[in-house]
Amino acid sequence: MLFAVQTTIVPGETLREKFDQLARWGYDGVEVSGADLLERPDELRRVMADTGLRVTSACGGYHGWLVDRNPRARALAIAEIQRILAVGAELGIPGLVVPAAYGIGARAGLPPARYAFTVDEDRALLLDSLAQVLASAETTGGALYLEPLNRYEDRVLNTLAEARAIIDAIGHPQLQLMPDFFHMSIEEADIPASLRAHAAVIGHLHLADSNRQLPGEGHTNWAAAFAALRDIGYRGALAIECKPPADPQTAFPTALRFLRTL
């Protein structure tokens, strides 16, 4: 397993400073923003070569959403995701993390709040958007890591099973599942069981505890979760996506030691 951290929570003004920090702390890789691939691919290529750190994935960094009801915004999201995958493939980056949407409606809304469209209508948009992106990705390369978010952040995909249904409906090898432990702590009744049930399509993982802090600082049963990952033979990357710690120079090395003991 490769342990990485998102650049957004690593101290430093430049990519080089962030990569250098992670290398000193002993991490295997980095998860960058998709915007880094679009805006500064040459800089990214240099720091990858100089530090030897692997870029395990990109996350977000594009405008609009795949289920955006504004046609221009949805088209922009599709076009930028296609470009991010193409640049990422050139740099040897395996794939891009994409949710259906963020903040466009939520299942946790109380009456009289009502969303204008049904979940099925939104999922139909998602299927159409993903099909367009994957048609391009067949030429450029790169995987799409589909991430379900919790009910307070998105209404379209909340559980691993819901995201798996979309993946199975499309049936494309470049579309894979991206479980996030924070969202799973809200939506999954049994995290280890969910990981085992959907092992065949898991391509990447996000790490954060139940309180969105670093792993080990909440009430997630990490030992059971990592036992499940060992059982399914997961050998991919796990990227930390959490709230920035108050003392990163101590917290990130401590988190890495905790994860490696698992």
C-alpha atoms as a PDB file:
ATOM      1  CA  MET A   1       0.000   0.000   0.000  1.00  0.00           C
ATOM      2  CA  LEU A   2       1.171   3.514  -0.837  1.00  0.00           C
ATOM      3  CA  PHE A   3       0.439   6.306   1.650  1.00  0.00           C
ATOM      4  CA  ALA A   4      -0.048   9.804   0.242  1.00  0.00           C
ATOM      5  CA  VAL A   5      -1.359  13.187   1.380  1.00  0.00           C
ATOM      6  CA  GLN A   6      -3.323  15.812  -0.517  1.00  0.00           C
ATOM      7  CA  THR A   7      -1.208  18.859  -1.290  1.00  0.00           C
ATOM      8  CA  THR A   8      -3.989  21.177  -0.078  1.00  0.00           C
ATOM      9  CA  ILE A   9      -3.303  20.263   3.563  1.00  0.00           C
ATOM     10  CA  VAL A  10       0.503  20.140   3.395  1.00  0.00           C
ATOM     11  CA  PRO A  11       2.353  23.280   4.549  1.00  0.00           C
ATOM     12  CA  GLY A  12       4.348  25.116   1.897  1.00  0.00           C
ATOM     13  CA  GLU A  13       3.955  27.885  -0.648  1.00  0.00           C
ATOM     14  CA  THR A  14       5.016  25.876  -3.699  1.00  0.00           C
ATOM     15  CA  LEU A  15       4.621  22.334  -4.965  1.00  0.00           C
ATOM     16  CA  ARG A  16       8.315  21.761  -4.355  1.00  0.00           C
ATOM     17  CA  GLU A  17       8.025  22.770  -0.699  1.00  0.00           C
ATOM     18  CA  LYS A  18       5.031  20.486  -0.222  1.00  0.00           C
ATOM     19  CA  PHE A  19       6.707  17.535  -1.959  1.00  0.00           C
ATOM     20  CA  ASP A  20       9.896  18.063   0.053  1.00  0.00           C
ATOM     21  CA  GLN A  21       7.918  18.014   3.305  1.00  0.00           C
ATOM     22  CA  LEU A  22       6.193  14.745   2.427  1.00  0.00           C
ATOM     23  CA  ALA A  23       9.464  13.145   1.354  1.00  0.00           C
ATOM     24  CA  ARG A  24      11.088  14.112   4.672  1.00  0.00           C
ATOM     25  CA  TRP A  25       8.157  12.671   6.612  1.00  0.00           C
ATOM     26  CA  GLY A  26       8.478   9.365   4.739  1.00  0.00           C
ATOM     27  CA  TYR A  27       5.308   9.335   2.659  1.00  0.00           C
ATOM     28  CA  ASP A  28       5.230   7.375  -0.592  1.00  0.00           C
ATOM     29  CA  GLY A  29       3.251   9.809  -2.673  1.00  0.00           C
ATOM     30  CA  VAL A  30       1.122  12.880  -3.185  1.00  0.00           C
ATOM     31  CA  GLU A  31      -2.430  13.570  -4.292  1.00  0.00           C
ATOM     32  CA  VAL A  32      -2.509  16.812  -6.269  1.00  0.00           C
ATOM     33  CA  SER A  33      -5.362  19.012  -7.429  1.00  0.00           C
ATOM     34  CA  GLY A  34      -6.567  18.576 -10.976  1.00  0.00           C
ATOM     35  CA  ALA A  35      -5.919  22.303 -11.373  1.00  0.00           C
ATOM     36  CA  ASP A  36      -2.194  21.620 -10.873  1.00  0.00           C
ATOM     37  CA  LEU A  37      -2.277  19.391 -13.927  1.00  0.00           C
ATOM     38  CA  LEU A  38      -4.034  22.025 -16.010  1.00  0.00           C
ATOM     39  CA  GLU A  39      -2.070  25.057 -14.819  1.00  0.00           C
ATOM     40  CA  ARG A  40       1.479  23.886 -14.027  1.00  0.00           C
ATOM     41  CA  PRO A  41       2.271  20.486 -15.512  1.00  0.00           C
ATOM     42  CA  ASP A  42       5.943  21.360 -16.164  1.00  0.00           C
ATOM     43  CA  GLU A  43       6.511  22.333 -12.528  1.00  0.00           C
ATOM     44  CA  LEU A  44       4.796  19.142 -11.421  1.00  0.00           C
ATOM     45  CA  ARG A  45       6.961  17.060 -13.743  1.00  0.00           C
ATOM     46  CA  ARG A  46      10.134  18.636 -12.293  1.00  0.00           C
ATOM     47  CA  VAL A  47       9.245  18.110  -8.621  1.00  0.00           C
ATOM     48  CA  MET A  48       8.190  14.528  -9.281  1.00  0.00           C
ATOM     49  CA  ALA A  49      11.581  13.845 -10.838  1.00  0.00           C
ATOM     50  CA  ASP A  50      13.551  15.696  -8.163  1.00  0.00           C
ATOM     51  CA  THR A  51      11.848  14.219  -5.081  1.00  0.00           C
ATOM     52  CA  GLY A  52      11.085  10.728  -6.360  1.00  0.00           C
ATOM     53  CA  LEU A  53       7.591  10.901  -4.872  1.00  0.00           C
ATOM     54  CA  ARG A  54       4.805   9.270  -6.829  1.00  0.00           C
ATOM     55  CA  VAL A  55       1.735  11.283  -7.678  1.00  0.00           C
ATOM     56  CA  THR A  56      -0.848   8.674  -6.793  1.00  0.00           C
ATOM     57  CA  SER A  57      -3.853  10.614  -8.064  1.00  0.00           C
ATOM     58  CA  ALA A  58      -5.443  13.958  -8.740  1.00  0.00           C
ATOM     59  CA  CYS A  59      -8.597  15.183  -6.999  1.00  0.00           C
ATOM     60  CA  GLY A  60     -11.100  17.764  -8.204  1.00  0.00           C
ATOM     61  CA  GLY A  61      -9.673  21.021  -9.480  1.00  0.00           C
ATOM     62  CA  TYR A  62     -12.200  21.547 -12.269  1.00  0.00           C
ATOM     63  CA  HIS A  63     -15.208  23.837 -12.633  1.00  0.00           C
ATOM     64  CA  GLY A  64     -18.827  22.685 -12.567  1.00  0.00           C
ATOM     65  CA  TRP A  65     -20.153  19.224 -11.724  1.00  0.00           C
ATOM     66  CA  LEU A  66     -21.058  16.116 -13.665  1.00  0.00           C
ATOM     67  CA  VAL A  67     -24.722  16.484 -12.655  1.00  0.00           C
ATOM     68  CA  ASP A  68     -24.838  20.263 -12.975  1.00  0.00           C
ATOM     69  CA  ARG A  69     -28.236  21.405 -14.246  1.00  0.00           C
ATOM     70  CA  ASN A  70     -26.576  24.360 -15.958  1.00  0.00           C
ATOM     71  CA  PRO A  71     -25.634  22.883 -19.374  1.00  0.00           C
ATOM     72  CA  ARG A  72     -22.621  25.156 -19.742  1.00  0.00           C
ATOM     73  CA  ALA A  73     -21.314  24.275 -16.289  1.00  0.00           C
ATOM     74  CA  ARG A  74     -21.731  20.555 -16.933  1.00  0.00           C
ATOM     75  CA  ALA A  75     -20.040  20.833 -20.324  1.00  0.00           C
ATOM     76  CA  LEU A  76     -17.167  22.728 -18.712  1.00  0.00           C
ATOM     77  CA  ALA A  77     -16.765  20.033 -16.038  1.00  0.00           C
ATOM     78  CA  ILE A  78     -16.681  17.309 -18.683  1.00  0.00           C
ATOM     79  CA  ALA A  79     -14.149  19.188 -20.840  1.00  0.00           C
ATOM     80  CA  GLU A  80     -11.817  19.999 -17.933  1.00  0.00           C
ATOM     81  CA  ILE A  81     -11.971  16.446 -16.560  1.00  0.00           C
ATOM     82  CA  GLN A  82     -11.051  15.159 -20.018  1.00  0.00           C
ATOM     83  CA  ARG A  83      -8.073  17.532 -20.108  1.00  0.00           C
ATOM     84  CA  ILE A  84      -6.960  16.600 -16.583  1.00  0.00           C
ATOM     85  CA  LEU A  85      -7.012  12.898 -17.468  1.00  0.00           C
ATOM     86  CA  ALA A  86      -5.030  13.523 -20.651  1.00  0.00           C
ATOM     87  CA  VAL A  87      -2.299  15.535 -18.898  1.00  0.00           C
ATOM     88  CA  GLY A  88      -2.269  13.094 -15.993  1.00  0.00           C
ATOM     89  CA  ALA A  89      -1.767  10.159 -18.349  1.00  0.00           C
ATOM     90  CA  GLU A  90       1.206  11.949 -19.925  1.00  0.00           C
ATOM     91  CA  LEU A  91       2.746  12.392 -16.464  1.00  0.00           C
ATOM     92  CA  GLY A  92       2.019   8.823 -15.410  1.00  0.00           C
ATOM     93  CA  ILE A  93      -0.671   9.758 -12.871  1.00  0.00           C
ATOM     94  CA  PRO A  94      -3.135   6.858 -12.519  1.00  0.00           C
ATOM     95  CA  GLY A  95      -6.417   8.762 -12.280  1.00  0.00           C
ATOM     96  CA  LEU A  96      -8.704  11.541 -11.055  1.00  0.00           C
ATOM     97  CA  VAL A  97     -11.114  11.504  -8.094  1.00  0.00           C
ATOM     98  CA  VAL A  98     -14.577  12.784  -9.063  1.00  0.00           C
ATOM     99  CA  PRO A  99     -17.807  12.944  -7.045  1.00  0.00           C
ATOM    100  CA  ALA A 100     -21.166  13.301  -8.750  1.00  0.00           C
ATOM    101  CA  ALA A 101     -21.429  16.797  -7.264  1.00  0.00           C
ATOM    102  CA  TYR A 102     -20.845  18.732  -4.087  1.00  0.00           C
ATOM    103  CA  GLY A 103     -23.421  21.013  -2.508  1.00  0.00           C
ATOM    104  CA  ILE A 104     -26.049  20.607  -5.237  1.00  0.00           C
ATOM    105  CA  GLY A 105     -28.939  19.476  -3.079  1.00  0.00           C
ATOM    106  CA  ALA A 106     -28.721  17.068  -0.141  1.00  0.00           C
ATOM    107  CA  ARG A 107     -30.839  14.185   1.118  1.00  0.00           C
ATOM    108  CA  ALA A 108     -30.667  15.561   4.630  1.00  0.00           C
ATOM    109  CA  GLY A 109     -32.794  18.619   3.855  1.00  0.00           C
ATOM    110  CA  LEU A 110     -35.887  19.089   5.996  1.00  0.00           C
ATOM    111  CA  PRO A 111     -39.361  20.135   4.766  1.00  0.00           C
ATOM    112  CA  PRO A 112     -40.400  22.419   3.241  1.00  0.00           C
ATOM    113  CA  ALA A 113     -37.069  22.380   1.376  1.00  0.00           C
ATOM    114  CA  ARG A 114     -37.432  20.448  -1.866  1.00  0.00           C
ATOM    115  CA  TYR A 115     -34.999  19.824  -4.696  1.00  0.00           C
ATOM    116  CA  ALA A 116     -36.384  20.465  -8.177  1.00  0.00           C
ATOM    117  CA  PHE A 117     -35.176  17.181  -9.697  1.00  0.00           C
ATOM    118  CA  THR A 118     -35.330  13.547  -8.649  1.00  0.00           C
ATOM    119  CA  VAL A 119     -32.283  11.473  -7.762  1.00  0.00           C
ATOM    120  CA  ASP A 120     -32.987   9.283 -10.796  1.00  0.00           C
ATOM    121  CA  GLU A 121     -32.907  12.347 -13.056  1.00  0.00           C
ATOM    122  CA  ASP A 122     -29.596  13.416 -11.571  1.00  0.00           C
ATOM    123  CA  ARG A 123     -28.163   9.923 -11.983  1.00  0.00           C
ATOM    124  CA  ALA A 124     -29.193   9.925 -15.630  1.00  0.00           C
ATOM    125  CA  LEU A 125     -27.149  13.122 -16.071  1.00  0.00           C
ATOM    126  CA  LEU A 126     -24.251  11.485 -14.259  1.00  0.00           C
ATOM    127  CA  LEU A 127     -24.348   8.450 -16.551  1.00  0.00           C
ATOM    128  CA  ASP A 128     -24.338  10.696 -19.612  1.00  0.00           C
ATOM    129  CA  SER A 129     -21.436  12.805 -18.307  1.00  0.00           C
ATOM    130  CA  LEU A 130     -19.357   9.780 -17.347  1.00  0.00           C
ATOM    131  CA  ALA A 131     -19.943   8.178 -20.749  1.00  0.00           C
ATOM    132  CA  GLN A 132     -18.605  11.316 -22.453  1.00  0.00           C
ATOM    133  CA  VAL A 133     -15.523  11.456 -20.251  1.00  0.00           C
ATOM    134  CA  LEU A 134     -14.772   7.752 -20.616  1.00  0.00           C
ATOM    135  CA  ALA A 135     -15.088   7.892 -24.404  1.00  0.00           C
ATOM    136  CA  SER A 136     -12.246  10.416 -24.366  1.00  0.00           C
ATOM    137  CA  ALA A 137     -10.282   8.510 -21.716  1.00  0.00           C
ATOM    138  CA  GLU A 138     -10.140   5.444 -23.946  1.00  0.00           C
ATOM    139  CA  THR A 139      -7.716   7.434 -26.098  1.00  0.00           C
ATOM    140  CA  THR A 140      -5.863   9.508 -23.502  1.00  0.00           C
ATOM    141  CA  GLY A 141      -5.738   7.009 -20.624  1.00  0.00           C
ATOM    142  CA  GLY A 142      -6.320   7.525 -16.924  1.00  0.00           C
ATOM    143  CA  ALA A 143      -8.976   6.216 -14.548  1.00  0.00           C
ATOM    144  CA  LEU A 144     -11.950   8.005 -13.052  1.00  0.00           C
ATOM    145  CA  TYR A 145     -12.302   7.300  -9.333  1.00  0.00           C
ATOM    146  CA  LEU A 146     -15.998   7.797  -8.529  1.00  0.00           C
ATOM    147  CA  GLU A 147     -16.452   9.035  -4.952  1.00  0.00           C
ATOM    148  CA  PRO A 148     -19.755   8.822  -3.056  1.00  0.00           C
ATOM    149  CA  LEU A 149     -20.183  11.668  -0.547  1.00  0.00           C
ATOM    150  CA  ASN A 150     -22.289  11.722   2.600  1.00  0.00           C
ATOM    151  CA  ARG A 151     -25.945  12.793   2.591  1.00  0.00           C
ATOM    152  CA  TYR A 152     -25.162  16.314   3.869  1.00  0.00           C
ATOM    153  CA  GLU A 153     -22.871  17.111   0.930  1.00  0.00           C
ATOM    154  CA  ASP A 154     -24.552  15.415  -2.032  1.00  0.00           C
ATOM    155  CA  ARG A 155     -27.827  13.707  -2.822  1.00  0.00           C
ATOM    156  CA  VAL A 156     -26.839  11.678  -5.881  1.00  0.00           C
ATOM    157  CA  LEU A 157     -24.402   9.063  -4.531  1.00  0.00           C
ATOM    158  CA  ASN A 158     -23.988   8.494  -0.789  1.00  0.00           C
ATOM    159  CA  THR A 159     -23.017   4.841  -0.357  1.00  0.00           C
ATOM    160  CA  LEU A 160     -20.516   2.513  -1.968  1.00  0.00           C
ATOM    161  CA  ALA A 161     -23.426   0.401  -3.238  1.00  0.00           C
ATOM    162  CA  GLU A 162     -24.988   3.390  -5.018  1.00  0.00           C
ATOM    163  CA  ALA A 163     -21.701   4.275  -6.698  1.00  0.00           C
ATOM    164  CA  ARG A 164     -21.152   0.603  -7.564  1.00  0.00           C
ATOM    165  CA  ALA A 165     -24.516   0.540  -9.354  1.00  0.00           C
ATOM    166  CA  ILE A 166     -23.348   3.396 -11.599  1.00  0.00           C
ATOM    167  CA  ILE A 167     -20.032   1.663 -12.233  1.00  0.00           C
ATOM    168  CA  ASP A 168     -21.773  -1.598 -13.114  1.00  0.00           C
ATOM    169  CA  ALA A 169     -24.271   0.182 -15.359  1.00  0.00           C
ATOM    170  CA  ILE A 170     -21.454   1.701 -17.412  1.00  0.00           C
ATOM    171  CA  GLY A 171     -19.187  -1.335 -17.257  1.00  0.00           C
ATOM    172  CA  HIS A 172     -15.988   0.473 -18.238  1.00  0.00           C
ATOM    173  CA  PRO A 173     -12.623  -0.630 -16.756  1.00  0.00           C
ATOM    174  CA  GLN A 174     -11.461   2.986 -16.411  1.00  0.00           C
ATOM    175  CA  LEU A 175     -14.347   3.805 -14.049  1.00  0.00           C
ATOM    176  CA  GLN A 176     -13.515   2.656 -10.516  1.00  0.00           C
ATOM    177  CA  LEU A 177     -14.767   3.145  -6.970  1.00  0.00           C
ATOM    178  CA  MET A 178     -13.157   5.610  -4.524  1.00  0.00           C
ATOM    179  CA  PRO A 179     -14.248   4.965  -0.916  1.00  0.00           C
ATOM    180  CA  ASP A 180     -13.583   7.766   1.584  1.00  0.00           C
ATOM    181  CA  PHE A 181     -13.431   6.657   5.225  1.00  0.00           C
ATOM    182  CA  PHE A 182     -14.982   9.886   6.517  1.00  0.00           C
ATOM    183  CA  HIS A 183     -18.048   9.551   4.297  1.00  0.00           C
ATOM    184  CA  MET A 184     -18.232   5.829   5.032  1.00  0.00           C
ATOM    185  CA  SER A 185     -18.317   6.555   8.765  1.00  0.00           C
ATOM    186  CA  ILE A 186     -21.636   8.329   8.124  1.00  0.00           C
ATOM    187  CA  GLU A 187     -23.188   6.176   5.416  1.00  0.00           C
ATOM    188  CA  GLU A 188     -21.920   2.602   5.771  1.00  0.00           C
ATOM    189  CA  ALA A 189     -23.336   0.344   8.474  1.00  0.00           C
ATOM    190  CA  ASP A 190     -20.225  -1.859   8.377  1.00  0.00           C
ATOM    191  CA  ILE A 191     -17.121  -0.350   6.766  1.00  0.00           C
ATOM    192  CA  PRO A 192     -15.075  -3.586   6.518  1.00  0.00           C
ATOM    193  CA  ALA A 193     -18.055  -5.460   5.043  1.00  0.00           C
ATOM    194  CA  SER A 194     -18.615  -2.694   2.467  1.00  0.00           C
ATOM    195  CA  LEU A 195     -14.957  -2.779   1.428  1.00  0.00           C
ATOM    196  CA  ARG A 196     -15.114  -6.532   0.979  1.00  0.00           C
ATOM    197  CA  ALA A 197     -18.397  -6.360  -0.951  1.00  0.00           C
ATOM    198  CA  HIS A 198     -17.058  -3.888  -3.511  1.00  0.00           C
ATOM    199  CA  ALA A 199     -13.438  -4.999  -3.653  1.00  0.00           C
ATOM    200  CA  ALA A 200     -13.592  -5.778  -7.366  1.00  0.00           C
ATOM    201  CA  VAL A 201     -14.018  -2.141  -8.379  1.00  0.00           C
ATOM    202  CA  ILE A 202     -11.998  -0.225  -5.743  1.00  0.00           C
ATOM    203  CA  GLY A 203      -9.263   1.802  -7.430  1.00  0.00           C
ATOM    204  CA  HIS A 204      -8.209   4.336  -4.794  1.00  0.00           C
ATOM    205  CA  LEU A 205      -8.972   5.314  -1.180  1.00  0.00           C
ATOM    206  CA  HIS A 206      -9.217   8.480   0.907  1.00  0.00           C
ATOM    207  CA  LEU A 207      -8.201   8.414   4.562  1.00  0.00           C
ATOM    208  CA  ALA A 208      -9.738  10.543   7.307  1.00  0.00           C
ATOM    209  CA  ASP A 209     -11.212   9.619  10.643  1.00  0.00           C
ATOM    210  CA  SER A 210     -14.874   9.869  11.629  1.00  0.00           C
ATOM    211  CA  ASN A 211     -14.383  13.513  12.675  1.00  0.00           C
ATOM    212  CA  ARG A 212     -12.479  14.427   9.482  1.00  0.00           C
ATOM    213  CA  GLN A 213      -9.232  14.515  11.466  1.00  0.00           C
ATOM    214  CA  LEU A 214      -6.145  12.438  10.742  1.00  0.00           C
ATOM    215  CA  PRO A 215      -6.519   8.647  11.004  1.00  0.00           C
ATOM    216  CA  GLY A 216      -6.388   7.578  14.641  1.00  0.00           C
ATOM    217  CA  GLU A 217      -7.972  10.753  16.017  1.00  0.00           C
ATOM    218  CA  GLY A 218     -11.631   9.683  15.813  1.00  0.00           C
ATOM    219  CA  HIS A 219     -13.631   6.513  16.425  1.00  0.00           C
ATOM    220  CA  THR A 220     -13.124   4.627  13.145  1.00  0.00           C
ATOM    221  CA  ASN A 221     -12.064   1.008  13.700  1.00  0.00           C
ATOM    222  CA  TRP A 222      -8.925   1.198  11.583  1.00  0.00           C
ATOM    223  CA  ALA A 223      -7.662  -2.238  12.547  1.00  0.00           C
ATOM    224  CA  ALA A 224     -10.822  -3.876  11.199  1.00  0.00           C
ATOM    225  CA  ALA A 225     -10.774  -1.696   8.071  1.00  0.00           C
ATOM    226  CA  PHE A 226      -7.168  -2.554   7.254  1.00  0.00           C
ATOM    227  CA  ALA A 227      -7.841  -6.222   7.924  1.00  0.00           C
ATOM    228  CA  ALA A 228     -10.499  -5.979   5.210  1.00  0.00           C
ATOM    229  CA  LEU A 229      -8.048  -4.270   2.845  1.00  0.00           C
ATOM    230  CA  ARG A 230      -5.545  -7.068   3.428  1.00  0.00           C
ATOM    231  CA  ASP A 231      -8.255  -9.680   2.868  1.00  0.00           C
ATOM    232  CA  ILE A 232      -9.214  -8.197  -0.510  1.00  0.00           C
ATOM    233  CA  GLY A 233      -5.569  -7.839  -1.529  1.00  0.00           C
ATOM    234  CA  TYR A 234      -5.662  -4.074  -1.936  1.00  0.00           C
ATOM    235  CA  ARG A 235      -2.238  -2.842  -3.034  1.00  0.00           C
ATOM    236  CA  GLY A 236      -3.079   0.639  -4.288  1.00  0.00           C
ATOM    237  CA  ALA A 237      -2.763   4.141  -2.898  1.00  0.00           C
ATOM    238  CA  LEU A 238      -4.423   5.629   0.175  1.00  0.00           C
ATOM    239  CA  ALA A 239      -4.430   9.421   0.275  1.00  0.00           C
ATOM    240  CA  ILE A 240      -5.045  11.406   3.444  1.00  0.00           C
ATOM    241  CA  GLU A 241      -7.784  14.017   2.970  1.00  0.00           C
ATOM    242  CA  CYS A 242      -8.545  15.616   6.331  1.00  0.00           C
ATOM    243  CA  LYS A 243      -8.695  18.916   8.179  1.00  0.00           C
ATOM    244  CA  PRO A 244      -5.261  20.564   8.343  1.00  0.00           C
ATOM    245  CA  PRO A 245      -3.682  19.641  11.696  1.00  0.00           C
ATOM    246  CA  ALA A 246      -2.571  22.373  14.100  1.00  0.00           C
ATOM    247  CA  ASP A 247       0.962  20.974  14.250  1.00  0.00           C
ATOM    248  CA  PRO A 248       1.649  19.338  10.880  1.00  0.00           C
ATOM    249  CA  GLN A 249       5.340  18.709  11.595  1.00  0.00           C
ATOM    250  CA  THR A 250       4.319  16.341  14.380  1.00  0.00           C
ATOM    251  CA  ALA A 251       0.900  15.189  13.224  1.00  0.00           C
ATOM    252  CA  PHE A 252       1.709  13.909   9.744  1.00  0.00           C
ATOM    253  CA  PRO A 253       4.685  11.737  10.778  1.00  0.00           C
ATOM    254  CA  THR A 254       2.632  10.396  13.706  1.00  0.00           C
ATOM    255  CA  ALA A 255      -0.254   9.534  11.372  1.00  0.00           C
ATOM    256  CA  LEU A 256       2.090   7.731   9.000  1.00  0.00           C
ATOM    257  CA  ARG A 257       3.551   5.629  11.821  1.00  0.00           C
ATOM    258  CA  PHE A 258       0.015   4.767  12.926  1.00  0.00           C
ATOM    259  CA  LEU A 259      -0.995   3.716   9.410  1.00  0.00           C
ATOM    260  CA  ARG A 260       2.102   1.621   8.832  1.00  0.00           C
ATOM    261  CA  THR A 261       1.484  -0.333  12.043  1.00  0.00           C
ATOM    262  CA  LEU A 262      -1.884  -1.385  10.598  1.00  0.00           C
END
